[in-house]
Amino acid sequence: MRTKTAPDSQATIERFRRIVRGPLRLVITDAVSYWLEDDVGTRLSTEATTSIEPLARVLEFTRSGADPEDMLLCVRLETGERCEVGSGPNLVDIAEAAAGVPARPRTVKS
């Protein structure tokens, strides 16, 4: 196994920091399309080749008062299989990370 012995340049370090501070993307191996559904299977977004548009719709719906428990991110794999990725607060966290919204601590409601 190779081990890097030379130190990183300041430019390399700054480039890395910009990348990890910016918006993230959800990429699922072998997924060919992503979409958002409601809790009864009705599509809330178009089928897209990346997760960007469905995750943007999650934020749009939750900001207008929709319950994230009623939304489900789905993918279609290369095999044609449909897979459910997530819903609820975790889906909102993923959507916010994709939009570049800084993470915030979660608290339990009593």
Protein backbone atom coordinates (compact mmCIF):
# COMPACT_ATOMS: atom_id res chain seq x y z
CA MET A 1 0.00 0.00 0.00
CA ARG A 2 1.35 3.43 -0.92
CA THR A 3 1.75 6.07 1.74
CA LYS A 4 1.95 9.72 0.84
CA THR A 5 4.98 11.30 2.43
CA ALA A 6 4.91 14.80 0.93
CA PRO A 7 2.86 17.42 2.77
CA ASP A 8 -0.20 18.89 1.07
CA SER A 9 0.11 22.40 -0.27
CA GLN A 10 -2.00 25.14 1.25
CA ALA A 11 -3.89 25.42 -2.04
CA THR A 12 -4.83 21.72 -1.88
CA ILE A 13 -6.01 22.07 1.71
CA GLU A 14 -8.12 25.15 0.90
CA ARG A 15 -9.65 23.41 -2.14
CA PHE A 16 -10.62 20.46 0.07
CA ARG A 17 -12.15 22.77 2.69
CA ARG A 18 -14.27 24.52 0.02
CA ILE A 19 -15.57 21.17 -1.19
CA VAL A 20 -16.61 19.89 2.23
CA ARG A 21 -18.22 23.21 3.20
CA GLY A 22 -20.31 23.37 0.04
CA PRO A 23 -23.45 21.50 -0.98
CA LEU A 24 -23.25 17.72 -0.92
CA ARG A 25 -24.85 15.24 -3.30
CA LEU A 26 -26.50 11.97 -2.52
CA VAL A 27 -25.12 9.37 -4.90
CA ILE A 28 -26.23 5.76 -4.65
CA THR A 29 -24.13 3.17 -6.45
CA ASP A 30 -25.99 1.65 -9.41
CA ALA A 31 -28.89 4.13 -9.14
CA VAL A 32 -30.01 5.43 -12.51
CA SER A 33 -32.86 7.67 -11.35
CA TYR A 34 -34.20 9.38 -8.24
CA TRP A 35 -37.67 10.71 -7.39
CA LEU A 36 -39.85 11.76 -4.47
CA GLU A 37 -43.16 10.10 -3.55
CA ASP A 38 -45.83 10.77 -0.96
CA ASP A 39 -46.92 8.16 1.58
CA VAL A 40 -49.41 6.58 -0.85
CA GLY A 41 -46.98 6.30 -3.78
CA THR A 42 -47.93 9.40 -5.77
CA ARG A 43 -44.89 11.04 -7.34
CA LEU A 44 -44.05 14.48 -5.99
CA SER A 45 -41.15 15.05 -8.38
CA THR A 46 -40.09 13.98 -11.81
CA GLU A 47 -37.71 11.06 -12.21
CA ALA A 48 -34.23 12.59 -12.41
CA THR A 49 -30.76 11.19 -13.13
CA THR A 50 -29.39 12.86 -9.98
CA SER A 51 -30.77 13.42 -6.49
CA ILE A 52 -30.64 17.21 -6.82
CA GLU A 53 -34.22 17.92 -7.98
CA PRO A 54 -36.02 15.44 -5.68
CA LEU A 55 -34.08 16.70 -2.65
CA ALA A 56 -34.87 20.32 -3.57
CA ARG A 57 -38.55 19.34 -3.62
CA VAL A 58 -38.20 17.93 -0.08
CA LEU A 59 -37.12 21.37 1.15
CA GLU A 60 -39.83 23.10 -0.86
CA PHE A 61 -42.55 20.88 0.62
CA THR A 62 -41.29 21.00 4.22
CA ARG A 63 -40.90 24.78 4.11
CA SER A 64 -44.52 25.04 3.01
CA GLY A 65 -45.62 22.96 6.00
CA ALA A 66 -45.66 19.40 4.65
CA ASP A 67 -44.80 16.59 7.05
CA PRO A 68 -41.49 14.94 6.06
CA GLU A 69 -42.87 11.61 7.31
CA ASP A 70 -45.26 11.76 4.32
CA MET A 71 -42.39 11.94 1.79
CA LEU A 72 -40.17 9.13 0.53
CA LEU A 73 -37.05 9.38 -1.63
CA CYS A 74 -36.87 6.48 -4.08
CA VAL A 75 -34.31 5.28 -6.62
CA ARG A 76 -34.33 2.94 -9.57
CA LEU A 77 -31.26 0.72 -9.87
CA GLU A 78 -29.62 -0.43 -13.08
CA THR A 79 -31.45 -3.74 -12.60
CA GLY A 80 -34.80 -1.91 -12.74
CA GLU A 81 -35.41 -2.51 -9.04
CA ARG A 82 -37.14 0.30 -7.11
CA CYS A 83 -35.60 1.06 -3.71
CA GLU A 84 -36.81 3.31 -0.92
CA VAL A 85 -34.00 5.47 0.43
CA GLY A 86 -35.52 7.39 3.32
CA SER A 87 -38.13 9.68 4.75
CA GLY A 88 -38.81 11.88 7.76
CA PRO A 89 -36.24 14.04 9.54
CA ASN A 90 -33.35 12.06 8.04
CA LEU A 91 -34.57 12.91 4.54
CA VAL A 92 -34.77 16.59 5.50
CA ASP A 93 -31.19 16.40 6.84
CA ILE A 94 -30.00 14.89 3.55
CA ALA A 95 -31.89 17.52 1.53
CA GLU A 96 -30.46 20.36 3.63
CA ALA A 97 -26.92 18.99 3.24
CA ALA A 98 -27.47 18.77 -0.52
CA ALA A 99 -28.55 22.42 -0.52
CA GLY A 100 -25.57 23.52 1.55
CA VAL A 101 -27.59 24.28 4.69
CA PRO A 102 -25.32 23.91 7.73
CA ALA A 103 -26.13 20.98 10.01
CA ARG A 104 -27.84 21.77 13.27
CA PRO A 105 -28.38 19.73 16.42
CA ARG A 106 -31.67 17.86 16.73
CA THR A 107 -33.65 17.75 19.95
CA VAL A 108 -36.36 15.34 21.00
CA LYS A 109 -39.83 16.85 21.34
CA SER A 110 -41.66 15.98 24.52
